[in-house]
Protein backbone atom coordinates (compact mmCIF):
# COMPACT_ATOMS: atom_id res chain seq x y z
CA MET A 1 -20.06 -0.20 -4.69
CA GLN A 2 -21.32 3.38 -4.77
CA ARG A 3 -18.85 5.91 -6.12
CA GLU A 4 -19.81 8.28 -3.29
CA LEU A 5 -17.95 5.96 -0.93
CA ALA A 6 -14.63 7.07 -2.40
CA ILE A 7 -14.67 10.36 -0.48
CA GLU A 8 -15.68 8.51 2.69
CA PHE A 9 -12.53 6.41 2.39
CA VAL A 10 -10.49 9.58 1.94
CA ARG A 11 -11.81 10.75 5.29
CA VAL A 12 -10.57 7.49 6.80
CA THR A 13 -6.98 7.86 5.59
CA GLU A 14 -7.00 11.58 6.40
CA ALA A 15 -7.86 10.82 10.01
CA ALA A 16 -5.07 8.24 10.32
CA ALA A 17 -2.55 10.53 8.64
CA ILE A 18 -3.30 13.52 10.88
CA ALA A 19 -3.18 11.42 14.04
CA SER A 20 0.16 9.80 13.18
CA ALA A 21 1.76 12.98 11.79
CA ARG A 22 1.84 14.36 15.33
CA TRP A 23 4.57 11.78 16.02
CA MET A 24 6.88 12.74 13.17
CA GLY A 25 10.54 12.56 14.18
CA ARG A 26 9.81 11.70 17.80
CA GLY A 27 11.46 8.28 17.60
CA ASP A 28 8.36 6.38 18.76
CA LYS A 29 7.05 4.31 15.88
CA GLU A 30 4.73 2.26 18.11
CA SER A 31 2.82 5.31 19.33
CA ALA A 32 2.65 6.74 15.81
CA ASP A 33 1.23 3.48 14.49
CA GLN A 34 -1.26 3.17 17.34
CA ALA A 35 -2.49 6.72 16.75
CA ALA A 36 -3.08 5.90 13.08
CA VAL A 37 -4.86 2.64 13.91
CA ASP A 38 -7.15 4.27 16.49
CA ALA A 39 -8.11 7.11 14.15
CA MET A 40 -8.67 4.85 11.15
CA ARG A 41 -10.76 2.35 13.11
CA GLY A 42 -12.92 5.10 14.56
CA MET A 43 -13.60 6.60 11.15
CA PHE A 44 -14.60 3.27 9.64
CA ASP A 45 -17.47 3.14 12.13
CA THR A 46 -19.07 6.05 10.23
CA VAL A 47 -18.88 4.49 6.75
CA ASP A 48 -21.95 2.74 5.34
CA ILE A 49 -20.39 -0.60 4.43
CA ASP A 50 -20.40 -4.18 5.65
CA GLY A 51 -16.63 -4.55 5.64
CA GLU A 52 -14.26 -7.37 6.53
CA VAL A 53 -10.56 -6.70 7.10
CA VAL A 54 -8.51 -9.09 4.95
CA ILE A 55 -5.22 -7.17 5.25
CA GLY A 56 -4.71 -5.46 8.57
CA GLU A 57 -2.67 -5.13 11.72
CA GLY A 58 -2.36 -8.88 12.30
CA GLU A 59 -4.57 -11.69 13.48
CA ILE A 60 -7.11 -11.40 16.29
CA ASP A 61 -4.62 -12.50 18.94
CA GLU A 62 -2.04 -9.98 17.71
CA ALA A 63 -4.06 -6.78 17.29
CA PRO A 64 -6.94 -5.28 19.30
CA MET A 65 -8.41 -3.61 16.22
CA LEU A 66 -8.17 -3.70 12.43
CA TYR A 67 -7.22 -7.35 12.80
CA ILE A 68 -7.73 -9.84 9.98
CA GLY A 69 -11.35 -10.95 9.96
CA GLU A 70 -12.66 -7.96 11.91
CA LYS A 71 -16.05 -6.66 10.77
CA ILE A 72 -16.13 -2.88 10.32
CA GLY A 73 -18.45 -0.20 8.98
CA THR A 74 -22.01 0.63 10.00
CA ARG A 75 -23.24 -2.74 8.63
CA LYS A 76 -26.81 -1.48 8.63
CA GLY A 77 -29.36 -1.98 5.88
CA GLU A 78 -28.49 -2.68 2.26
CA VAL A 79 -24.85 -1.65 2.33
CA PRO A 80 -22.02 -3.04 0.15
CA LYS A 81 -20.24 -6.15 1.38
CA VAL A 82 -16.55 -5.45 0.86
CA ASP A 83 -13.02 -6.66 1.53
CA ILE A 84 -10.79 -4.08 3.17
CA ALA A 85 -6.99 -3.92 3.13
CA VAL A 86 -5.39 -1.31 5.36
CA ASP A 87 -2.03 0.01 6.40
CA PRO A 88 -2.89 2.87 8.76
CA LEU A 89 0.76 3.95 8.73
CA GLU A 90 2.94 2.60 5.94
CA GLY A 91 6.39 3.50 7.14
CA THR A 92 6.40 3.44 10.93
CA THR A 93 10.18 3.84 10.97
CA ILE A 94 9.87 6.62 8.42
CA ILE A 95 7.59 8.68 10.65
CA ALA A 96 9.68 7.96 13.75
CA GLU A 97 12.78 9.29 12.00
CA GLY A 98 10.99 12.14 10.21
CA ARG A 99 11.85 10.90 6.74
CA PRO A 100 9.80 11.19 3.53
CA ASN A 101 7.11 8.99 1.97
CA ALA A 102 5.10 7.83 5.00
CA LEU A 103 1.49 7.19 3.99
CA SER A 104 -1.86 6.09 5.34
CA VAL A 105 -3.26 3.59 2.84
CA LEU A 106 -6.34 1.48 2.23
CA ALA A 107 -7.92 -0.52 -0.57
CA VAL A 108 -11.54 -1.65 -0.77
CA ALA A 109 -13.08 -4.17 -3.17
CA ASN A 110 -16.17 -6.34 -3.42
CA ARG A 111 -16.20 -9.30 -1.02
CA GLY A 112 -13.82 -12.02 -2.17
CA SER A 113 -11.77 -9.76 -4.47
CA LEU A 114 -8.60 -9.20 -2.41
CA LEU A 115 -6.07 -11.92 -1.61
CA HIS A 116 -6.11 -12.88 2.05
CA ALA A 117 -2.36 -12.57 2.42
CA PRO A 118 -0.72 -13.68 5.66
CA ASP A 119 1.87 -11.50 7.33
CA MET A 120 4.96 -12.95 5.67
CA TYR A 121 7.51 -11.95 3.07
CA MET A 122 6.65 -11.67 -0.61
CA SER A 123 8.88 -11.30 -3.66
CA LYS A 124 7.50 -8.57 -5.92
CA ILE A 125 8.03 -6.97 -9.28
CA ALA A 126 5.86 -4.03 -10.35
CA VAL A 127 5.76 -1.68 -13.34
CA GLY A 128 3.64 1.10 -14.78
CA PRO A 129 1.27 0.97 -17.77
CA LYS A 130 3.97 1.27 -20.44
CA ALA A 131 5.55 -1.99 -19.30
CA LYS A 132 2.35 -3.89 -18.57
CA GLY A 133 2.76 -7.50 -19.65
CA ALA A 134 6.56 -7.20 -19.89
CA ILE A 135 7.40 -8.75 -16.51
CA ASP A 136 7.67 -12.37 -15.40
CA ILE A 137 8.66 -13.19 -11.83
CA ASP A 138 9.91 -16.59 -12.99
CA LEU A 139 12.58 -14.96 -15.17
CA SER A 140 15.90 -13.50 -14.05
CA VAL A 141 16.48 -9.95 -12.88
CA GLU A 142 18.39 -9.23 -16.07
CA ASP A 143 15.69 -10.63 -18.35
CA ASN A 144 13.00 -8.58 -16.63
CA ILE A 145 14.99 -5.36 -16.82
CA LYS A 146 15.72 -5.90 -20.52
CA SER A 147 12.08 -6.69 -21.22
CA VAL A 148 10.88 -3.57 -19.42
CA ALA A 149 13.49 -1.44 -21.20
CA LYS A 150 12.26 -2.72 -24.54
CA ALA A 151 8.60 -2.12 -23.66
CA MET A 152 9.38 1.44 -22.57
CA ASN A 153 11.63 2.13 -25.56
CA LYS A 154 14.57 2.85 -23.25
CA ALA A 155 18.15 1.74 -23.02
CA VAL A 156 18.79 -0.53 -20.04
CA GLU A 157 21.10 2.17 -18.67
CA ASP A 158 18.12 4.55 -18.50
CA VAL A 159 15.89 2.20 -16.52
CA THR A 160 15.53 2.96 -12.80
CA VAL A 161 14.76 0.18 -10.33
CA VAL A 162 13.45 1.03 -6.87
CA ILE A 163 14.53 -1.40 -4.15
CA LEU A 164 14.12 -1.52 -0.39
CA ASP A 165 17.51 -0.88 1.20
CA LYS A 166 17.61 -4.03 3.32
CA PRO A 167 20.34 -6.60 4.07
CA ARG A 168 18.36 -9.23 2.19
CA HIS A 169 18.89 -7.28 -1.04
CA ARG A 170 22.58 -6.66 -0.41
CA VAL A 171 23.72 -9.97 1.05
CA GLU A 172 21.09 -12.68 1.05
CA ASN A 173 19.88 -12.58 -2.56
CA GLY A 174 22.27 -10.05 -4.06
CA LEU A 175 19.49 -8.18 -5.86
CA ILE A 176 21.23 -4.82 -5.75
CA GLU A 177 24.40 -6.25 -7.27
CA GLN A 178 22.42 -8.09 -9.96
CA VAL A 179 20.72 -4.87 -11.02
CA ARG A 180 24.04 -3.03 -11.10
CA LYS A 181 25.58 -5.72 -13.30
CA CYS A 182 22.75 -5.20 -15.77
CA GLY A 183 23.70 -1.53 -16.00
CA ALA A 184 20.36 -0.20 -14.76
CA LYS A 185 20.05 2.62 -12.24
CA ILE A 186 18.90 2.03 -8.68
CA LYS A 187 16.87 4.09 -6.26
CA LEU A 188 17.11 2.76 -2.71
CA ILE A 189 14.34 3.39 -0.21
CA LYS A 190 14.45 2.53 3.49
CA ASP A 191 10.78 1.59 3.82
CA GLY A 192 7.46 2.03 2.05
CA ASP A 193 7.27 -0.29 -0.93
CA VAL A 194 3.59 0.50 -1.55
CA ALA A 195 4.68 4.02 -2.46
CA GLY A 196 7.58 2.53 -4.42
CA ALA A 197 5.26 0.35 -6.48
CA ILE A 198 2.79 3.18 -7.16
CA ALA A 199 5.71 5.41 -8.20
CA THR A 200 6.25 3.23 -11.28
CA CYS A 201 2.96 4.57 -12.63
CA LEU A 202 3.58 8.26 -11.98
CA PRO A 203 5.56 10.22 -14.59
CA ASP A 204 7.48 12.59 -12.34
CA THR A 205 9.04 9.98 -10.06
CA GLY A 206 11.59 8.68 -12.56
CA VAL A 207 10.97 5.11 -11.34
CA ASP A 208 10.36 2.30 -13.85
CA ILE A 209 10.39 -0.95 -11.86
CA LEU A 210 9.98 -2.03 -8.27
CA MET A 211 11.86 -5.21 -7.41
CA GLY A 212 12.59 -7.11 -4.25
CA ILE A 213 11.17 -8.69 -1.14
CA GLY A 214 8.75 -6.92 1.15
CA GLY A 215 5.63 -7.66 3.15
CA ALA A 216 2.82 -9.67 1.59
CA PRO A 217 0.08 -7.40 3.00
CA GLU A 218 1.76 -4.40 1.37
CA GLY A 219 1.85 -6.39 -1.86
CA VAL A 220 -1.94 -6.65 -1.95
CA LEU A 221 -2.32 -2.93 -1.26
CA ALA A 222 0.18 -2.11 -4.00
CA ALA A 223 -1.61 -4.40 -6.47
CA ALA A 224 -4.92 -2.61 -5.85
CA GLY A 225 -3.30 0.77 -6.52
CA LEU A 226 -1.46 -0.50 -9.59
CA LYS A 227 -4.66 -1.91 -11.07
CA CYS A 228 -6.36 1.46 -10.71
CA LEU A 229 -3.42 3.11 -12.53
CA GLY A 230 -3.15 0.51 -15.29
CA GLY A 231 0.13 -0.91 -13.99
CA ASP A 232 1.20 -4.51 -13.56
CA MET A 233 2.57 -6.67 -10.78
CA GLN A 234 3.66 -10.23 -10.13
CA ALA A 235 4.58 -11.78 -6.81
CA ARG A 236 5.39 -14.94 -4.88
CA LEU A 237 5.04 -15.65 -1.18
CA ILE A 238 8.24 -16.48 0.70
CA PRO A 239 7.37 -18.41 3.85
CA LYS A 240 10.21 -18.66 6.36
CA ALA A 241 8.77 -21.43 8.52
CA GLU A 242 6.25 -24.27 8.41
CA GLU A 243 3.96 -22.19 10.61
CA GLU A 244 3.69 -19.56 7.88
CA ILE A 245 2.81 -22.21 5.29
CA THR A 246 0.08 -23.53 7.57
CA ARG A 247 -1.25 -20.01 8.12
CA ALA A 248 -1.35 -19.33 4.37
CA LYS A 249 -3.30 -22.51 3.71
CA LYS A 250 -5.77 -21.64 6.47
CA MET A 251 -6.34 -18.35 4.66
CA GLY A 252 -7.15 -20.15 1.40
CA ILE A 253 -3.76 -20.19 -0.35
CA GLU A 254 -3.19 -23.80 -1.39
CA ASP A 255 0.11 -23.39 -3.25
CA VAL A 256 2.34 -20.99 -1.34
CA ASN A 257 5.00 -21.24 -4.05
CA ALA A 258 2.72 -20.23 -6.91
CA SER A 259 3.48 -17.23 -9.10
CA LEU A 260 0.81 -14.62 -8.39
CA ARG A 261 -0.40 -12.27 -11.10
CA ILE A 262 -2.00 -8.92 -10.37
CA ASP A 263 -5.51 -10.39 -10.71
CA ASP A 264 -4.63 -13.01 -8.11
CA LEU A 265 -3.87 -10.20 -5.69
CA ALA A 266 -6.73 -7.82 -6.53
CA SER A 267 -9.55 -8.88 -8.83
CA GLY A 268 -12.85 -7.53 -10.10
CA ASP A 269 -13.75 -4.10 -11.41
CA GLU A 270 -14.88 -2.52 -8.15
CA ILE A 271 -11.64 -1.48 -6.47
CA ILE A 272 -11.02 1.78 -4.65
CA PHE A 273 -7.52 2.74 -3.53
CA CYS A 274 -6.88 5.66 -1.22
CA ALA A 275 -3.74 7.16 0.30
CA THR A 276 -3.02 10.26 2.38
CA GLY A 277 0.48 11.61 2.84
CA VAL A 278 1.82 11.63 6.38
CA THR A 279 5.26 13.01 5.56
CA ASN A 280 6.26 14.74 2.33
CA GLY A 281 6.95 12.38 -0.55
CA GLU A 282 7.12 12.11 -4.30
CA MET A 283 3.50 11.04 -4.57
CA LEU A 284 1.84 13.17 -1.90
CA GLU A 285 2.64 16.04 0.44
CA GLY A 286 2.60 15.27 4.14
CA VAL A 287 0.32 16.69 6.80
CA ARG A 288 0.97 20.35 7.66
CA PHE A 289 -0.20 21.94 10.91
CA GLU A 290 -0.90 25.68 10.74
CA ASP A 291 -3.00 27.95 12.99
CA ASN A 292 -4.81 25.05 14.63
CA LYS A 293 -5.52 23.53 11.24
CA ALA A 294 -4.27 20.38 9.56
CA ILE A 295 -3.79 20.40 5.78
CA THR A 296 -3.82 17.00 4.09
CA HIS A 297 -3.10 15.76 0.58
CA SER A 298 -4.70 12.53 -0.60
CA LEU A 299 -5.04 10.38 -3.69
CA VAL A 300 -8.16 8.33 -4.36
CA MET A 301 -8.63 6.08 -7.39
CA ARG A 302 -11.47 3.92 -8.67
CA TYR A 303 -10.61 1.07 -11.02
CA LYS A 304 -14.06 0.80 -12.63
CA THR A 305 -13.97 4.33 -14.05
CA GLY A 306 -10.23 4.93 -14.16
CA THR A 307 -10.73 8.11 -12.15
CA MET A 308 -7.81 9.47 -10.15
CA ARG A 309 -8.43 12.39 -7.80
CA PHE A 310 -5.99 14.40 -5.73
CA VAL A 311 -7.74 15.86 -2.70
CA GLU A 312 -6.45 18.74 -0.59
CA ALA A 313 -8.36 19.30 2.63
CA ILE A 314 -8.14 21.81 5.46
CA HIS A 315 -9.25 20.46 8.83
CA LYS A 316 -10.11 22.88 11.66
CA LEU A 317 -8.79 21.06 14.68
CA ASP A 318 -10.64 23.25 17.18
CA GLN A 319 -13.90 22.00 15.66
CA LYS A 320 -12.80 18.35 15.47
CA PRO A 321 -9.89 18.01 17.91
CA LEU A 322 -7.68 14.98 18.39
CA PRO A 323 -8.36 12.24 19.25
CA PHE A 324 -10.76 11.90 16.35
CA LYS A 325 -14.34 11.11 17.07
CA GLN A 326 -17.14 9.95 14.80
CA ASP A 327 -18.04 13.50 13.76
CA PHE A 328 -14.69 13.96 11.93
């Protein structure tokens, strides 16, 4: 995959971020999400790839575009054949309520490199480079926290675990209480566990481990970003019904109860991860609108070279007004 494609993928997440940022705090997460989807899908039509969506907005009968299996890109000539995982707006509730850490995210890898994860729950544990190899999803919460603390040369009391603030972590599996009993610190987030996972790799976030249950599609996106940053992740699918097991097997997952390592989620050495901030967050600043301009902040990473770039862009909206067209 040509390295020049990295900036093309930045343009894709920028478009989705700008389109959805218009809906910040307006209480309409569906419209915000649709704006992001429309903008992202339109921009993909300009990128010289033969892409297949493996993580998207749902299956063909659930989503009119960016559905699983959809072919995108120009698909002309000798262009790379790639898997594409997208979340045009990670944090639909976040943007609707005007809260921090909403992102537009995508990951791209050579065909066959990204897990075709069905839209179901997934148990996840993720860490940054210092704790790589120190996690095991088959061990207890306490054992994992102690192992990470040792790897990072920290006391357990100085380890911070980021967890989605959901009833399942308070009542159903008691994760929050288990972490508290260990003595570790907790950072609760309402939504956005891709950002939470990536935060384990960034020094200024103060986050050491992501634990808990979130969406499987977001797990694949997080794994791609973690690989680019040298982090680690393990996961396990949590089907809630026989229908979900059947769907997983149709997508090539034979053992839905298997422990998944990071290379099971995102493999190969040609992985590009890209994110643009929609609202302000710890990783990226959100979109700002000033004088008929939109200012965006993005992160793009390439696993093969280990390169991480932060991109600030100023978009003149009178020259490329919303809704975005192919000349963005």
